[in-house]
Amino acid sequence: MYCTWKLKELKDELKKRGAKITVKKADLVERLESYDRNFNFGNQSPLASQSQAIDVPAVELYQDVNSSTIFPKITKKHIQCYFDRFNTNISDAVKLYESRYLLILRSTTFAEDTYLKGFCKASMKQLQYEVNIKLNNDGVPEEATCECAAGEGKEAHCKHVAVVLVAAENILKEKIILLHEVSTSQLQTFHKPTKKNYATPLRASRLPSKRDIHNIVYSPYLKQNPYFDKKAFQCRFQSLILNIHTHRCP
């Protein structure tokens, strides 16, 4: 039954049951079937686990965050106050952000609240976690959740949540954001010009050339041959064109 489901539907269903979703689609299907056979392994009901996740707007409403994005002014004080409630230090998150562990950051405004969605790489594994954060009008984080093991519930305080908040504060303050770079993000050195050209652009017809373009002969007739018969040449050329379909190679 789950084979016909889309990847997002499979992940949403596993989230309700409190299961991991960082595997391939075939493994997600097998995991759901195992949960059905074993009655969710004695976990809490889907309604109870659903209450542990925050309600976020549709994915289509989110837009990439850039220097012109408008959302509440979040400060380092807001971030530190949020993590002080859990006696958590954000120094490791700052190092992860400066090392470009953040893959993407998006935001949207819904019902006077601002929602941040980010994808952050794991520090020791080849994984990425989705982070959702809800901000009020004053820029104070109210709810947060993450896909990692330490980010369950509506008050997640893992380092991935801190990375997203630090990135939001940095884009507001410095108008820049440090995202993960791939090998094609920057031009290779041999693709860059060695020096800048400050000369005035020239037309292609005026480009310098070693050839004397005034001596080019475009006529198919051999004018330099004094015995050339132009009329005979035209008759022969016309005959070749008209009888080309009857010509056969030896």
C-alpha atoms as a PDB file:
ATOM      1  CA  MET A   1       0.000   0.000   0.000  1.00  0.00           C
ATOM      2  CA  TYR A   2       2.820   2.431   0.881  1.00  0.00           C
ATOM      3  CA  CYS A   3       4.611   1.789  -2.429  1.00  0.00           C
ATOM      4  CA  THR A   4       2.259   4.190  -4.218  1.00  0.00           C
ATOM      5  CA  TRP A   5       2.801   6.995  -1.696  1.00  0.00           C
ATOM      6  CA  LYS A   6       4.993   9.975  -2.465  1.00  0.00           C
ATOM      7  CA  LEU A   7       8.199  10.604  -0.560  1.00  0.00           C
ATOM      8  CA  LYS A   8       6.727  13.555   1.367  1.00  0.00           C
ATOM      9  CA  GLU A   9       3.691  11.497   2.421  1.00  0.00           C
ATOM     10  CA  LEU A  10       5.925   8.704   3.688  1.00  0.00           C
ATOM     11  CA  LYS A  11       8.027  11.126   5.717  1.00  0.00           C
ATOM     12  CA  ASP A  12       4.970  12.838   7.194  1.00  0.00           C
ATOM     13  CA  GLU A  13       3.515   9.509   8.266  1.00  0.00           C
ATOM     14  CA  LEU A  14       6.780   8.422   9.871  1.00  0.00           C
ATOM     15  CA  LYS A  15       7.025  11.757  11.672  1.00  0.00           C
ATOM     16  CA  LYS A  16       3.630  11.128  13.227  1.00  0.00           C
ATOM     17  CA  ARG A  17       4.881   7.791  14.531  1.00  0.00           C
ATOM     18  CA  GLY A  18       8.137   9.221  15.845  1.00  0.00           C
ATOM     19  CA  ALA A  19      10.360   7.271  13.434  1.00  0.00           C
ATOM     20  CA  LYS A  20      13.498   8.344  11.589  1.00  0.00           C
ATOM     21  CA  ILE A  21      13.085   9.564   8.008  1.00  0.00           C
ATOM     22  CA  THR A  22      16.697   9.963   6.850  1.00  0.00           C
ATOM     23  CA  VAL A  23      16.789   6.937   4.520  1.00  0.00           C
ATOM     24  CA  LYS A  24      15.813   6.055   0.962  1.00  0.00           C
ATOM     25  CA  LYS A  25      12.216   5.687  -0.183  1.00  0.00           C
ATOM     26  CA  ALA A  26      12.341   1.874  -0.255  1.00  0.00           C
ATOM     27  CA  ASP A  27      13.564   1.849   3.346  1.00  0.00           C
ATOM     28  CA  LEU A  28      10.807   4.261   4.369  1.00  0.00           C
ATOM     29  CA  VAL A  29       8.185   1.918   2.926  1.00  0.00           C
ATOM     30  CA  GLU A  30       9.696  -1.064   4.725  1.00  0.00           C
ATOM     31  CA  ARG A  31       9.863   0.917   7.971  1.00  0.00           C
ATOM     32  CA  LEU A  32       6.184   1.870   7.777  1.00  0.00           C
ATOM     33  CA  GLU A  33       5.195  -1.731   7.139  1.00  0.00           C
ATOM     34  CA  SER A  34       7.252  -2.796  10.166  1.00  0.00           C
ATOM     35  CA  TYR A  35       5.491  -0.220  12.313  1.00  0.00           C
ATOM     36  CA  ASP A  36       2.129  -1.549  11.156  1.00  0.00           C
ATOM     37  CA  ARG A  37       3.056  -5.149  11.924  1.00  0.00           C
ATOM     38  CA  ASN A  38       4.378  -4.288  15.394  1.00  0.00           C
ATOM     39  CA  PHE A  39       1.681  -1.775  16.398  1.00  0.00           C
ATOM     40  CA  ASN A  40       4.127   1.164  16.348  1.00  0.00           C
ATOM     41  CA  PHE A  41       6.468  -0.772  18.686  1.00  0.00           C
ATOM     42  CA  GLY A  42       4.456   0.333  21.692  1.00  0.00           C
ATOM     43  CA  ASN A  43       5.041   4.032  21.081  1.00  0.00           C
ATOM     44  CA  GLN A  44       2.504   6.720  21.786  1.00  0.00           C
ATOM     45  CA  SER A  45      -0.478   7.174  19.521  1.00  0.00           C
ATOM     46  CA  PRO A  46      -0.141   9.155  16.266  1.00  0.00           C
ATOM     47  CA  LEU A  47      -2.199  11.996  17.730  1.00  0.00           C
ATOM     48  CA  ALA A  48       0.111  12.295  20.710  1.00  0.00           C
ATOM     49  CA  SER A  49       3.264  12.266  18.579  1.00  0.00           C
ATOM     50  CA  GLN A  50       1.722  14.754  16.162  1.00  0.00           C
ATOM     51  CA  SER A  51       1.326  17.210  19.021  1.00  0.00           C
ATOM     52  CA  GLN A  52       5.120  17.190  19.435  1.00  0.00           C
ATOM     53  CA  ALA A  53       5.631  18.848  16.021  1.00  0.00           C
ATOM     54  CA  ILE A  54       4.905  22.494  15.278  1.00  0.00           C
ATOM     55  CA  ASP A  55       2.393  23.510  12.625  1.00  0.00           C
ATOM     56  CA  VAL A  56       4.187  25.096   9.675  1.00  0.00           C
ATOM     57  CA  PRO A  57       2.789  26.677   6.482  1.00  0.00           C
ATOM     58  CA  ALA A  58       2.846  24.925   3.128  1.00  0.00           C
ATOM     59  CA  VAL A  59       6.240  24.503   1.505  1.00  0.00           C
ATOM     60  CA  GLU A  60       5.135  26.547  -1.524  1.00  0.00           C
ATOM     61  CA  LEU A  61       4.839  29.690   0.642  1.00  0.00           C
ATOM     62  CA  TYR A  62       8.517  29.737   1.605  1.00  0.00           C
ATOM     63  CA  GLN A  63      11.052  31.886  -0.233  1.00  0.00           C
ATOM     64  CA  ASP A  64      14.837  31.956  -0.098  1.00  0.00           C
ATOM     65  CA  VAL A  65      16.272  34.415   2.390  1.00  0.00           C
ATOM     66  CA  ASN A  66      18.476  37.179   0.964  1.00  0.00           C
ATOM     67  CA  SER A  67      19.547  40.699   1.886  1.00  0.00           C
ATOM     68  CA  SER A  68      16.143  42.156   0.901  1.00  0.00           C
ATOM     69  CA  THR A  69      14.038  39.668   2.884  1.00  0.00           C
ATOM     70  CA  ILE A  70      11.884  41.295   5.550  1.00  0.00           C
ATOM     71  CA  PHE A  71      11.249  39.461   8.817  1.00  0.00           C
ATOM     72  CA  PRO A  72      11.418  40.326  12.559  1.00  0.00           C
ATOM     73  CA  LYS A  73      14.708  41.700  13.808  1.00  0.00           C
ATOM     74  CA  ILE A  74      16.257  38.787  15.638  1.00  0.00           C
ATOM     75  CA  THR A  75      19.346  39.566  17.712  1.00  0.00           C
ATOM     76  CA  LYS A  76      22.027  37.567  19.484  1.00  0.00           C
ATOM     77  CA  LYS A  77      20.327  38.412  22.755  1.00  0.00           C
ATOM     78  CA  HIS A  78      17.125  36.724  21.580  1.00  0.00           C
ATOM     79  CA  ILE A  79      19.077  33.636  20.539  1.00  0.00           C
ATOM     80  CA  GLN A  80      21.048  33.445  23.774  1.00  0.00           C
ATOM     81  CA  CYS A  81      17.930  33.911  25.914  1.00  0.00           C
ATOM     82  CA  TYR A  82      16.209  31.041  24.104  1.00  0.00           C
ATOM     83  CA  PHE A  83      19.113  28.628  24.677  1.00  0.00           C
ATOM     84  CA  ASP A  84      19.770  29.819  28.239  1.00  0.00           C
ATOM     85  CA  ARG A  85      16.479  28.194  29.214  1.00  0.00           C
ATOM     86  CA  PHE A  86      18.091  24.835  28.451  1.00  0.00           C
ATOM     87  CA  ASN A  87      21.632  25.695  29.641  1.00  0.00           C
ATOM     88  CA  THR A  88      22.925  25.240  26.092  1.00  0.00           C
ATOM     89  CA  ASN A  89      26.008  26.921  24.653  1.00  0.00           C
ATOM     90  CA  ILE A  90      25.792  28.053  21.013  1.00  0.00           C
ATOM     91  CA  SER A  91      29.546  28.368  20.398  1.00  0.00           C
ATOM     92  CA  ASP A  92      29.603  25.062  18.508  1.00  0.00           C
ATOM     93  CA  ALA A  93      26.701  26.257  16.329  1.00  0.00           C
ATOM     94  CA  VAL A  94      28.592  29.445  15.469  1.00  0.00           C
ATOM     95  CA  LYS A  95      31.585  27.365  14.340  1.00  0.00           C
ATOM     96  CA  LEU A  96      29.322  25.167  12.204  1.00  0.00           C
ATOM     97  CA  TYR A  97      27.767  28.220  10.586  1.00  0.00           C
ATOM     98  CA  GLU A  98      31.150  29.801   9.870  1.00  0.00           C
ATOM     99  CA  SER A  99      32.254  26.459   8.372  1.00  0.00           C
ATOM    100  CA  ARG A 100      29.269  26.658   5.969  1.00  0.00           C
ATOM    101  CA  TYR A 101      27.274  23.716   7.294  1.00  0.00           C
ATOM    102  CA  LEU A 102      24.012  25.471   6.419  1.00  0.00           C
ATOM    103  CA  LEU A 103      22.647  24.281   3.073  1.00  0.00           C
ATOM    104  CA  ILE A 104      19.606  26.534   2.614  1.00  0.00           C
ATOM    105  CA  LEU A 105      17.534  29.050   4.554  1.00  0.00           C
ATOM    106  CA  ARG A 106      13.963  30.012   3.650  1.00  0.00           C
ATOM    107  CA  SER A 107      11.242  32.043   5.375  1.00  0.00           C
ATOM    108  CA  THR A 108       7.577  32.990   5.174  1.00  0.00           C
ATOM    109  CA  THR A 109       5.060  35.043   7.148  1.00  0.00           C
ATOM    110  CA  PHE A 110       1.758  33.518   8.207  1.00  0.00           C
ATOM    111  CA  ALA A 111      -0.820  34.879  10.688  1.00  0.00           C
ATOM    112  CA  GLU A 112       1.516  37.549  12.134  1.00  0.00           C
ATOM    113  CA  ASP A 113       4.235  34.946  12.759  1.00  0.00           C
ATOM    114  CA  THR A 114       7.418  34.309  10.815  1.00  0.00           C
ATOM    115  CA  TYR A 115       8.560  30.794  10.031  1.00  0.00           C
ATOM    116  CA  LEU A 116      12.125  29.837   9.182  1.00  0.00           C
ATOM    117  CA  LYS A 117      13.001  26.611   7.386  1.00  0.00           C
ATOM    118  CA  GLY A 118      16.582  25.527   7.018  1.00  0.00           C
ATOM    119  CA  PHE A 119      18.572  22.441   6.082  1.00  0.00           C
ATOM    120  CA  CYS A 120      21.769  21.866   8.017  1.00  0.00           C
ATOM    121  CA  LYS A 121      24.452  19.229   7.518  1.00  0.00           C
ATOM    122  CA  ALA A 122      25.309  16.872  10.335  1.00  0.00           C
ATOM    123  CA  SER A 123      28.752  17.469  11.812  1.00  0.00           C
ATOM    124  CA  MET A 124      29.888  13.827  11.896  1.00  0.00           C
ATOM    125  CA  LYS A 125      27.639  12.074   9.351  1.00  0.00           C
ATOM    126  CA  GLN A 126      26.726  12.422   5.696  1.00  0.00           C
ATOM    127  CA  LEU A 127      23.210  13.541   6.609  1.00  0.00           C
ATOM    128  CA  GLN A 128      21.166  16.710   6.544  1.00  0.00           C
ATOM    129  CA  TYR A 129      18.425  17.752   8.940  1.00  0.00           C
ATOM    130  CA  GLU A 130      15.386  19.937   8.336  1.00  0.00           C
ATOM    131  CA  VAL A 131      14.869  22.686  10.914  1.00  0.00           C
ATOM    132  CA  ASN A 132      11.618  24.628  11.429  1.00  0.00           C
ATOM    133  CA  ILE A 133      11.459  27.680  13.697  1.00  0.00           C
ATOM    134  CA  LYS A 134       8.572  29.966  14.608  1.00  0.00           C
ATOM    135  CA  LEU A 135       9.314  33.620  15.461  1.00  0.00           C
ATOM    136  CA  ASN A 136       6.939  36.212  16.907  1.00  0.00           C
ATOM    137  CA  ASN A 137       6.749  39.856  15.835  1.00  0.00           C
ATOM    138  CA  ASP A 138       9.608  40.799  18.191  1.00  0.00           C
ATOM    139  CA  GLY A 139      11.977  38.228  16.698  1.00  0.00           C
ATOM    140  CA  VAL A 140      11.827  35.917  19.722  1.00  0.00           C
ATOM    141  CA  PRO A 141      11.878  32.170  18.930  1.00  0.00           C
ATOM    142  CA  GLU A 142       8.687  30.605  20.240  1.00  0.00           C
ATOM    143  CA  GLU A 143       8.817  27.089  18.835  1.00  0.00           C
ATOM    144  CA  ALA A 144      11.462  25.025  17.064  1.00  0.00           C
ATOM    145  CA  THR A 145      11.909  21.483  15.861  1.00  0.00           C
ATOM    146  CA  CYS A 146      14.636  19.497  14.127  1.00  0.00           C
ATOM    147  CA  GLU A 147      14.884  16.064  12.508  1.00  0.00           C
ATOM    148  CA  CYS A 148      17.893  15.058  14.577  1.00  0.00           C
ATOM    149  CA  ALA A 149      17.563  12.941  17.706  1.00  0.00           C
ATOM    150  CA  ALA A 150      18.071  15.939  20.002  1.00  0.00           C
ATOM    151  CA  GLY A 151      15.562  18.115  18.142  1.00  0.00           C
ATOM    152  CA  GLU A 152      12.309  16.374  19.049  1.00  0.00           C
ATOM    153  CA  GLY A 153       9.414  18.322  20.496  1.00  0.00           C
ATOM    154  CA  LYS A 154       8.315  21.925  20.079  1.00  0.00           C
ATOM    155  CA  GLU A 155      11.271  23.422  21.971  1.00  0.00           C
ATOM    156  CA  ALA A 156      14.231  21.923  20.172  1.00  0.00           C
ATOM    157  CA  HIS A 157      17.547  23.359  21.312  1.00  0.00           C
ATOM    158  CA  CYS A 158      20.066  21.400  19.247  1.00  0.00           C
ATOM    159  CA  LYS A 159      22.993  22.980  17.426  1.00  0.00           C
ATOM    160  CA  HIS A 160      21.170  22.767  14.078  1.00  0.00           C
ATOM    161  CA  VAL A 161      18.448  25.078  15.368  1.00  0.00           C
ATOM    162  CA  ALA A 162      21.145  27.437  16.623  1.00  0.00           C
ATOM    163  CA  VAL A 163      22.826  27.435  13.191  1.00  0.00           C
ATOM    164  CA  VAL A 164      19.599  28.579  11.513  1.00  0.00           C
ATOM    165  CA  LEU A 165      19.028  31.315  14.118  1.00  0.00           C
ATOM    166  CA  VAL A 166      22.628  32.543  13.824  1.00  0.00           C
ATOM    167  CA  ALA A 167      22.264  32.678  10.045  1.00  0.00           C
ATOM    168  CA  ALA A 168      19.030  34.705  10.329  1.00  0.00           C
ATOM    169  CA  GLU A 169      20.723  37.143  12.704  1.00  0.00           C
ATOM    170  CA  ASN A 170      23.724  37.457  10.392  1.00  0.00           C
ATOM    171  CA  ILE A 171      21.662  38.188   7.258  1.00  0.00           C
ATOM    172  CA  LEU A 172      19.827  40.950   9.105  1.00  0.00           C
ATOM    173  CA  LYS A 173      22.949  42.531  10.546  1.00  0.00           C
ATOM    174  CA  GLU A 174      25.607  42.029   7.864  1.00  0.00           C
ATOM    175  CA  LYS A 175      23.344  41.485   4.793  1.00  0.00           C
ATOM    176  CA  ILE A 176      25.271  38.312   3.954  1.00  0.00           C
ATOM    177  CA  ILE A 177      24.723  34.629   4.633  1.00  0.00           C
ATOM    178  CA  LEU A 178      27.248  31.790   4.657  1.00  0.00           C
ATOM    179  CA  LEU A 179      25.862  28.764   2.839  1.00  0.00           C
ATOM    180  CA  HIS A 180      27.442  25.475   1.888  1.00  0.00           C
ATOM    181  CA  GLU A 181      29.518  25.717  -1.289  1.00  0.00           C
ATOM    182  CA  VAL A 182      29.949  23.029  -3.919  1.00  0.00           C
ATOM    183  CA  SER A 183      32.844  22.620  -6.332  1.00  0.00           C
ATOM    184  CA  THR A 184      31.084  24.693  -9.013  1.00  0.00           C
ATOM    185  CA  SER A 185      30.142  27.598  -6.752  1.00  0.00           C
ATOM    186  CA  GLN A 186      33.262  29.556  -7.699  1.00  0.00           C
ATOM    187  CA  LEU A 187      35.093  29.877 -10.996  1.00  0.00           C
ATOM    188  CA  GLN A 188      38.281  27.900 -11.357  1.00  0.00           C
ATOM    189  CA  THR A 189      41.476  29.923 -11.614  1.00  0.00           C
ATOM    190  CA  PHE A 190      42.116  29.116 -15.281  1.00  0.00           C
ATOM    191  CA  HIS A 191      38.637  30.407 -16.166  1.00  0.00           C
ATOM    192  CA  LYS A 192      39.416  33.864 -14.807  1.00  0.00           C
ATOM    193  CA  PRO A 193      41.059  36.456 -17.093  1.00  0.00           C
ATOM    194  CA  THR A 194      44.666  37.254 -16.242  1.00  0.00           C
ATOM    195  CA  LYS A 195      44.124  40.974 -16.655  1.00  0.00           C
ATOM    196  CA  LYS A 196      41.267  43.382 -17.240  1.00  0.00           C
ATOM    197  CA  ASN A 197      40.675  44.980 -20.623  1.00  0.00           C
ATOM    198  CA  TYR A 198      39.860  48.695 -20.442  1.00  0.00           C
ATOM    199  CA  ALA A 199      39.857  49.358 -24.208  1.00  0.00           C
ATOM    200  CA  THR A 200      36.789  50.541 -26.083  1.00  0.00           C
ATOM    201  CA  PRO A 201      34.750  47.687 -27.616  1.00  0.00           C
ATOM    202  CA  LEU A 202      35.244  47.264 -31.389  1.00  0.00           C
ATOM    203  CA  ARG A 203      32.961  45.960 -34.082  1.00  0.00           C
ATOM    204  CA  ALA A 204      33.931  42.603 -35.572  1.00  0.00           C
ATOM    205  CA  SER A 205      34.393  44.260 -38.959  1.00  0.00           C
ATOM    206  CA  ARG A 206      36.974  46.638 -37.481  1.00  0.00           C
ATOM    207  CA  LEU A 207      39.059  44.055 -35.664  1.00  0.00           C
ATOM    208  CA  PRO A 208      42.725  44.125 -36.696  1.00  0.00           C
ATOM    209  CA  SER A 209      43.780  41.397 -39.113  1.00  0.00           C
ATOM    210  CA  LYS A 210      46.952  40.421 -40.950  1.00  0.00           C
ATOM    211  CA  ARG A 211      45.016  39.624 -44.121  1.00  0.00           C
ATOM    212  CA  ASP A 212      44.197  42.320 -46.646  1.00  0.00           C
ATOM    213  CA  ILE A 213      40.424  42.018 -46.883  1.00  0.00           C
ATOM    214  CA  HIS A 214      40.316  44.351 -49.897  1.00  0.00           C
ATOM    215  CA  ASN A 215      41.970  41.748 -52.153  1.00  0.00           C
ATOM    216  CA  ILE A 216      39.449  38.981 -51.499  1.00  0.00           C
ATOM    217  CA  VAL A 217      37.796  37.697 -54.719  1.00  0.00           C
ATOM    218  CA  TYR A 218      34.223  36.475 -54.256  1.00  0.00           C
ATOM    219  CA  SER A 219      33.534  35.834 -57.974  1.00  0.00           C
ATOM    220  CA  PRO A 220      33.585  32.131 -59.057  1.00  0.00           C
ATOM    221  CA  TYR A 221      35.041  33.090 -62.455  1.00  0.00           C
ATOM    222  CA  LEU A 222      38.747  32.869 -63.097  1.00  0.00           C
ATOM    223  CA  LYS A 223      39.293  36.444 -64.214  1.00  0.00           C
ATOM    224  CA  GLN A 224      43.040  36.055 -64.210  1.00  0.00           C
ATOM    225  CA  ASN A 225      42.797  33.478 -67.052  1.00  0.00           C
ATOM    226  CA  PRO A 226      42.725  35.379 -70.395  1.00  0.00           C
ATOM    227  CA  TYR A 227      41.334  32.291 -72.229  1.00  0.00           C
ATOM    228  CA  PHE A 228      38.407  31.821 -69.830  1.00  0.00           C
ATOM    229  CA  ASP A 229      35.073  31.477 -71.680  1.00  0.00           C
ATOM    230  CA  LYS A 230      32.368  32.775 -69.370  1.00  0.00           C
ATOM    231  CA  LYS A 231      29.464  31.662 -71.625  1.00  0.00           C
ATOM    232  CA  ALA A 232      30.804  28.112 -71.968  1.00  0.00           C
ATOM    233  CA  PHE A 233      31.337  27.930 -68.211  1.00  0.00           C
ATOM    234  CA  GLN A 234      27.717  28.906 -67.550  1.00  0.00           C
ATOM    235  CA  CYS A 235      26.413  26.276 -70.000  1.00  0.00           C
ATOM    236  CA  ARG A 236      28.535  23.532 -68.459  1.00  0.00           C
ATOM    237  CA  PHE A 237      27.580  24.527 -64.937  1.00  0.00           C
ATOM    238  CA  GLN A 238      23.869  24.558 -65.853  1.00  0.00           C
ATOM    239  CA  SER A 239      24.177  21.149 -67.494  1.00  0.00           C
ATOM    240  CA  LEU A 240      25.796  19.637 -64.405  1.00  0.00           C
ATOM    241  CA  ILE A 241      23.019  20.917 -62.154  1.00  0.00           C
ATOM    242  CA  LEU A 242      20.185  19.704 -64.379  1.00  0.00           C
ATOM    243  CA  ASN A 243      21.683  16.237 -64.947  1.00  0.00           C
ATOM    244  CA  ILE A 244      22.954  15.572 -61.449  1.00  0.00           C
ATOM    245  CA  HIS A 245      20.212  12.954 -60.819  1.00  0.00           C
ATOM    246  CA  THR A 246      21.447  10.888 -63.781  1.00  0.00           C
ATOM    247  CA  HIS A 247      25.058  10.998 -62.714  1.00  0.00           C
ATOM    248  CA  ARG A 248      26.428   7.754 -61.303  1.00  0.00           C
ATOM    249  CA  CYS A 249      29.783   7.182 -59.776  1.00  0.00           C
ATOM    250  CA  PRO A 250      31.955   4.506 -61.512  1.00  0.00           C
END
